[in-house]
Amino acid sequence: MRSSSSATRFMTPGRWAILGSLATILILLLLNLYYQWVQSDIRREERAAERIAVDAAQLTDISETEKFVWDEVVWVVRGSAHDGQKVMVWVTDGKADVVPETLGVTEHQIKSKLLAARPEAEIIRIRPGLYNGQKIWEAYYSLPEEPKRYYYEFFSFTDGSPIIQFRLTNKYSS
């Protein structure tokens, strides 16, 4: 029979460190697997939207894919067509609407327009979307008010004109 002193010598500080490291690695691996499982449906939807966009616009390169949810779910796929032209493809309900980027205003132009109208705005993001069937740029920003408030403002994709602004209530602003 072993004495308790030999059992404590078996688990030296070095062995405890190795055991702790292995347990940490196992936990991180399990968390990674869980994250991948949670994200699998979103990735599947994204790949399906990209396939539809590639078929509709004959894309050779995809630079960005964004999901936009407002009235309906729309995926906006940006890329290059086989002729080298930069295009944006709005994919909704399995249908694609291909628009050359040159037919609309750019994200940079929307940023400039917003800052010209509201110089104190802190822009959080600008992204393409769809509002009431119209292609838009969504600007999400805050103004230095007390209490701090956040805003969504939609601009026309074709000419950059403002469409509508939504001011979030304090409950959803912080």
C-alpha atoms as a PDB file:
ATOM      1  CA  MET A   1       0.000   0.000   0.000  1.00  0.00           C
ATOM      2  CA  ARG A   2       1.310   3.410  -0.956  1.00  0.00           C
ATOM      3  CA  SER A   3       1.586   6.126   1.545  1.00  0.00           C
ATOM      4  CA  SER A   4       0.018   9.521   0.991  1.00  0.00           C
ATOM      5  CA  SER A   5       3.468  11.072   0.654  1.00  0.00           C
ATOM      6  CA  SER A   6       4.240   8.977  -2.450  1.00  0.00           C
ATOM      7  CA  ALA A   7       0.880   9.961  -3.968  1.00  0.00           C
ATOM      8  CA  THR A   8       1.622  13.628  -3.506  1.00  0.00           C
ATOM      9  CA  ARG A   9       5.053  13.166  -5.071  1.00  0.00           C
ATOM     10  CA  PHE A  10       3.398  11.647  -8.139  1.00  0.00           C
ATOM     11  CA  MET A  11       1.549  14.916  -8.907  1.00  0.00           C
ATOM     12  CA  THR A  12       4.460  17.306  -9.003  1.00  0.00           C
ATOM     13  CA  PRO A  13       3.952  20.965  -9.916  1.00  0.00           C
ATOM     14  CA  GLY A  14       5.150  20.230 -13.451  1.00  0.00           C
ATOM     15  CA  ARG A  15       2.569  17.468 -13.903  1.00  0.00           C
ATOM     16  CA  TRP A  16      -0.170  19.730 -12.538  1.00  0.00           C
ATOM     17  CA  ALA A  17       0.867  22.371 -15.100  1.00  0.00           C
ATOM     18  CA  ILE A  18       0.701  19.810 -17.917  1.00  0.00           C
ATOM     19  CA  LEU A  19      -2.679  18.545 -16.722  1.00  0.00           C
ATOM     20  CA  GLY A  20      -3.987  22.111 -16.446  1.00  0.00           C
ATOM     21  CA  SER A  21      -2.685  22.957 -19.930  1.00  0.00           C
ATOM     22  CA  LEU A  22      -4.314  19.857 -21.438  1.00  0.00           C
ATOM     23  CA  ALA A  23      -7.625  20.670 -19.712  1.00  0.00           C
ATOM     24  CA  THR A  24      -7.461  24.251 -21.027  1.00  0.00           C
ATOM     25  CA  ILE A  25      -6.738  23.055 -24.564  1.00  0.00           C
ATOM     26  CA  LEU A  26      -9.639  20.580 -24.368  1.00  0.00           C
ATOM     27  CA  ILE A  27     -12.027  23.303 -23.158  1.00  0.00           C
ATOM     28  CA  LEU A  28     -10.903  25.688 -25.941  1.00  0.00           C
ATOM     29  CA  LEU A  29     -11.311  22.941 -28.535  1.00  0.00           C
ATOM     30  CA  LEU A  30     -14.838  22.186 -27.311  1.00  0.00           C
ATOM     31  CA  LEU A  31     -15.748  25.899 -27.337  1.00  0.00           C
ATOM     32  CA  ASN A  32     -14.426  26.183 -30.911  1.00  0.00           C
ATOM     33  CA  LEU A  33     -16.496  23.188 -32.014  1.00  0.00           C
ATOM     34  CA  TYR A  34     -19.592  24.685 -30.361  1.00  0.00           C
ATOM     35  CA  TYR A  35     -18.987  28.056 -32.084  1.00  0.00           C
ATOM     36  CA  GLN A  36     -18.634  26.351 -35.477  1.00  0.00           C
ATOM     37  CA  TRP A  37     -21.847  24.411 -34.875  1.00  0.00           C
ATOM     38  CA  VAL A  38     -23.734  27.607 -33.942  1.00  0.00           C
ATOM     39  CA  GLN A  39     -22.424  29.434 -37.022  1.00  0.00           C
ATOM     40  CA  SER A  40     -23.023  26.566 -39.477  1.00  0.00           C
ATOM     41  CA  ASP A  41     -26.551  27.672 -40.494  1.00  0.00           C
ATOM     42  CA  ILE A  42     -25.393  31.237 -41.160  1.00  0.00           C
ATOM     43  CA  ARG A  43     -22.435  30.020 -43.209  1.00  0.00           C
ATOM     44  CA  ARG A  44     -24.720  27.702 -45.170  1.00  0.00           C
ATOM     45  CA  GLU A  45     -27.059  30.621 -45.996  1.00  0.00           C
ATOM     46  CA  GLU A  46     -24.082  32.775 -46.969  1.00  0.00           C
ATOM     47  CA  ARG A  47     -22.664  30.114 -49.295  1.00  0.00           C
ATOM     48  CA  ALA A  48     -26.090  29.632 -50.913  1.00  0.00           C
ATOM     49  CA  ALA A  49     -26.398  33.393 -51.519  1.00  0.00           C
ATOM     50  CA  GLU A  50     -22.892  33.475 -52.963  1.00  0.00           C
ATOM     51  CA  ARG A  51     -23.705  30.592 -55.344  1.00  0.00           C
ATOM     52  CA  ILE A  52     -26.825  32.424 -56.563  1.00  0.00           C
ATOM     53  CA  ALA A  53     -24.789  35.627 -57.041  1.00  0.00           C
ATOM     54  CA  VAL A  54     -22.011  33.805 -58.902  1.00  0.00           C
ATOM     55  CA  ASP A  55     -24.538  32.219 -61.269  1.00  0.00           C
ATOM     56  CA  ALA A  56     -26.499  35.436 -61.851  1.00  0.00           C
ATOM     57  CA  ALA A  57     -23.554  37.829 -62.286  1.00  0.00           C
ATOM     58  CA  GLN A  58     -20.933  35.370 -63.505  1.00  0.00           C
ATOM     59  CA  LEU A  59     -18.688  36.477 -60.670  1.00  0.00           C
ATOM     60  CA  THR A  60     -15.051  35.455 -60.798  1.00  0.00           C
ATOM     61  CA  ASP A  61     -14.194  36.960 -57.423  1.00  0.00           C
ATOM     62  CA  ILE A  62     -16.234  37.678 -54.297  1.00  0.00           C
ATOM     63  CA  SER A  63     -14.840  40.473 -52.140  1.00  0.00           C
ATOM     64  CA  GLU A  64     -17.571  40.706 -49.496  1.00  0.00           C
ATOM     65  CA  THR A  65     -20.879  39.151 -48.494  1.00  0.00           C
ATOM     66  CA  GLU A  66     -23.178  40.874 -46.004  1.00  0.00           C
ATOM     67  CA  LYS A  67     -26.501  39.860 -44.513  1.00  0.00           C
ATOM     68  CA  PHE A  68     -29.004  42.700 -44.136  1.00  0.00           C
ATOM     69  CA  VAL A  69     -32.237  42.256 -42.214  1.00  0.00           C
ATOM     70  CA  TRP A  70     -34.947  44.900 -42.114  1.00  0.00           C
ATOM     71  CA  ASP A  71     -38.296  44.200 -43.762  1.00  0.00           C
ATOM     72  CA  GLU A  72     -36.860  41.049 -45.272  1.00  0.00           C
ATOM     73  CA  VAL A  73     -33.587  39.164 -45.311  1.00  0.00           C
ATOM     74  CA  VAL A  74     -31.245  40.117 -48.126  1.00  0.00           C
ATOM     75  CA  TRP A  75     -27.679  39.097 -48.816  1.00  0.00           C
ATOM     76  CA  VAL A  76     -25.529  41.640 -50.635  1.00  0.00           C
ATOM     77  CA  VAL A  77     -22.593  40.087 -52.462  1.00  0.00           C
ATOM     78  CA  ARG A  78     -19.842  42.314 -53.842  1.00  0.00           C
ATOM     79  CA  GLY A  79     -17.414  41.048 -56.416  1.00  0.00           C
ATOM     80  CA  SER A  80     -15.977  41.202 -59.891  1.00  0.00           C
ATOM     81  CA  ALA A  81     -17.721  39.867 -62.975  1.00  0.00           C
ATOM     82  CA  HIS A  82     -15.927  37.908 -65.676  1.00  0.00           C
ATOM     83  CA  ASP A  83     -15.358  41.158 -67.621  1.00  0.00           C
ATOM     84  CA  GLY A  84     -13.625  42.759 -64.610  1.00  0.00           C
ATOM     85  CA  GLN A  85     -16.551  45.032 -63.755  1.00  0.00           C
ATOM     86  CA  LYS A  86     -17.254  45.518 -60.038  1.00  0.00           C
ATOM     87  CA  VAL A  87     -20.829  44.535 -59.228  1.00  0.00           C
ATOM     88  CA  MET A  88     -23.136  44.245 -56.250  1.00  0.00           C
ATOM     89  CA  VAL A  89     -25.715  41.480 -56.165  1.00  0.00           C
ATOM     90  CA  TRP A  90     -28.789  41.702 -53.937  1.00  0.00           C
ATOM     91  CA  VAL A  91     -29.973  38.141 -53.222  1.00  0.00           C
ATOM     92  CA  THR A  92     -33.397  37.708 -51.671  1.00  0.00           C
ATOM     93  CA  ASP A  93     -35.706  34.680 -51.727  1.00  0.00           C
ATOM     94  CA  GLY A  94     -33.362  32.848 -54.101  1.00  0.00           C
ATOM     95  CA  LYS A  95     -33.468  35.645 -56.692  1.00  0.00           C
ATOM     96  CA  ALA A  96     -30.568  37.885 -57.635  1.00  0.00           C
ATOM     97  CA  ASP A  97     -30.532  41.502 -58.769  1.00  0.00           C
ATOM     98  CA  VAL A  98     -27.161  42.433 -60.276  1.00  0.00           C
ATOM     99  CA  VAL A  99     -26.132  46.095 -60.289  1.00  0.00           C
ATOM    100  CA  PRO A 100     -22.779  47.462 -61.471  1.00  0.00           C
ATOM    101  CA  GLU A 101     -21.208  49.514 -58.684  1.00  0.00           C
ATOM    102  CA  THR A 102     -20.848  52.427 -61.113  1.00  0.00           C
ATOM    103  CA  LEU A 103     -24.659  52.796 -61.243  1.00  0.00           C
ATOM    104  CA  GLY A 104     -24.803  53.734 -57.576  1.00  0.00           C
ATOM    105  CA  VAL A 105     -23.081  55.992 -55.109  1.00  0.00           C
ATOM    106  CA  THR A 106     -20.201  54.632 -53.110  1.00  0.00           C
ATOM    107  CA  GLU A 107     -19.943  53.988 -49.407  1.00  0.00           C
ATOM    108  CA  HIS A 108     -17.398  56.828 -49.222  1.00  0.00           C
ATOM    109  CA  GLN A 109     -19.853  59.251 -50.862  1.00  0.00           C
ATOM    110  CA  ILE A 110     -22.529  58.340 -48.299  1.00  0.00           C
ATOM    111  CA  LYS A 111     -20.043  58.893 -45.479  1.00  0.00           C
ATOM    112  CA  SER A 112     -19.142  62.322 -46.887  1.00  0.00           C
ATOM    113  CA  LYS A 113     -22.810  63.245 -47.326  1.00  0.00           C
ATOM    114  CA  LEU A 114     -23.680  62.177 -43.784  1.00  0.00           C
ATOM    115  CA  LEU A 115     -20.744  64.039 -42.236  1.00  0.00           C
ATOM    116  CA  ALA A 116     -21.580  67.161 -44.252  1.00  0.00           C
ATOM    117  CA  ALA A 117     -25.123  67.133 -42.830  1.00  0.00           C
ATOM    118  CA  ARG A 118     -24.075  66.033 -39.314  1.00  0.00           C
ATOM    119  CA  PRO A 119     -20.385  66.828 -38.756  1.00  0.00           C
ATOM    120  CA  GLU A 120     -20.496  65.634 -35.138  1.00  0.00           C
ATOM    121  CA  ALA A 121     -21.772  62.174 -36.109  1.00  0.00           C
ATOM    122  CA  GLU A 122     -19.738  59.169 -35.037  1.00  0.00           C
ATOM    123  CA  ILE A 123     -20.304  56.669 -37.837  1.00  0.00           C
ATOM    124  CA  ILE A 124     -20.407  53.092 -36.636  1.00  0.00           C
ATOM    125  CA  ARG A 125     -21.013  51.419 -39.997  1.00  0.00           C
ATOM    126  CA  ILE A 126     -22.324  51.945 -43.496  1.00  0.00           C
ATOM    127  CA  ARG A 127     -23.580  48.970 -45.446  1.00  0.00           C
ATOM    128  CA  PRO A 128     -25.829  48.162 -48.388  1.00  0.00           C
ATOM    129  CA  GLY A 129     -29.336  46.853 -47.885  1.00  0.00           C
ATOM    130  CA  LEU A 130     -32.930  46.848 -49.041  1.00  0.00           C
ATOM    131  CA  TYR A 131     -35.778  48.966 -47.679  1.00  0.00           C
ATOM    132  CA  ASN A 132     -39.316  48.680 -49.085  1.00  0.00           C
ATOM    133  CA  GLY A 133     -37.873  47.001 -52.169  1.00  0.00           C
ATOM    134  CA  GLN A 134     -35.438  49.861 -52.811  1.00  0.00           C
ATOM    135  CA  LYS A 135     -31.662  49.406 -52.767  1.00  0.00           C
ATOM    136  CA  ILE A 136     -30.158  51.539 -50.025  1.00  0.00           C
ATOM    137  CA  TRP A 137     -27.109  52.393 -48.018  1.00  0.00           C
ATOM    138  CA  GLU A 138     -27.735  52.059 -44.282  1.00  0.00           C
ATOM    139  CA  ALA A 139     -25.756  54.404 -42.053  1.00  0.00           C
ATOM    140  CA  TYR A 140     -25.678  53.550 -38.364  1.00  0.00           C
ATOM    141  CA  TYR A 141     -24.256  56.354 -36.236  1.00  0.00           C
ATOM    142  CA  SER A 142     -24.483  58.229 -32.960  1.00  0.00           C
ATOM    143  CA  LEU A 143     -24.617  61.900 -32.092  1.00  0.00           C
ATOM    144  CA  PRO A 144     -23.033  63.449 -28.997  1.00  0.00           C
ATOM    145  CA  GLU A 145     -26.286  64.030 -27.166  1.00  0.00           C
ATOM    146  CA  GLU A 146     -26.967  63.438 -23.509  1.00  0.00           C
ATOM    147  CA  PRO A 147     -27.978  60.677 -23.162  1.00  0.00           C
ATOM    148  CA  LYS A 148     -26.167  59.266 -26.172  1.00  0.00           C
ATOM    149  CA  ARG A 149     -28.538  58.226 -28.950  1.00  0.00           C
ATOM    150  CA  TYR A 150     -28.064  56.085 -32.006  1.00  0.00           C
ATOM    151  CA  TYR A 151     -29.593  56.503 -35.441  1.00  0.00           C
ATOM    152  CA  TYR A 152     -30.218  54.493 -38.574  1.00  0.00           C
ATOM    153  CA  GLU A 153     -30.447  56.552 -41.722  1.00  0.00           C
ATOM    154  CA  PHE A 154     -31.163  55.120 -45.147  1.00  0.00           C
ATOM    155  CA  PHE A 155     -29.856  56.670 -48.349  1.00  0.00           C
ATOM    156  CA  SER A 156     -30.793  55.779 -51.912  1.00  0.00           C
ATOM    157  CA  PHE A 157     -28.209  53.524 -53.536  1.00  0.00           C
ATOM    158  CA  THR A 158     -28.682  55.149 -56.934  1.00  0.00           C
ATOM    159  CA  ASP A 159     -28.317  58.848 -56.057  1.00  0.00           C
ATOM    160  CA  GLY A 160     -27.481  59.026 -52.339  1.00  0.00           C
ATOM    161  CA  SER A 161     -30.582  60.995 -51.403  1.00  0.00           C
ATOM    162  CA  PRO A 162     -31.832  60.509 -47.829  1.00  0.00           C
ATOM    163  CA  ILE A 163     -34.858  58.226 -47.560  1.00  0.00           C
ATOM    164  CA  ILE A 164     -35.684  57.922 -43.863  1.00  0.00           C
ATOM    165  CA  GLN A 165     -34.082  58.248 -40.441  1.00  0.00           C
ATOM    166  CA  PHE A 166     -34.824  56.149 -37.365  1.00  0.00           C
ATOM    167  CA  ARG A 167     -33.841  57.443 -33.920  1.00  0.00           C
ATOM    168  CA  LEU A 168     -33.468  54.646 -31.408  1.00  0.00           C
ATOM    169  CA  THR A 169     -34.949  55.119 -27.987  1.00  0.00           C
ATOM    170  CA  ASN A 170     -32.686  55.332 -24.951  1.00  0.00           C
ATOM    171  CA  LYS A 171     -33.605  51.785 -24.014  1.00  0.00           C
ATOM    172  CA  TYR A 172     -31.948  50.485 -27.182  1.00  0.00           C
ATOM    173  CA  SER A 173     -29.271  53.161 -27.482  1.00  0.00           C
ATOM    174  CA  SER A 174     -27.009  52.078 -24.671  1.00  0.00           C
END
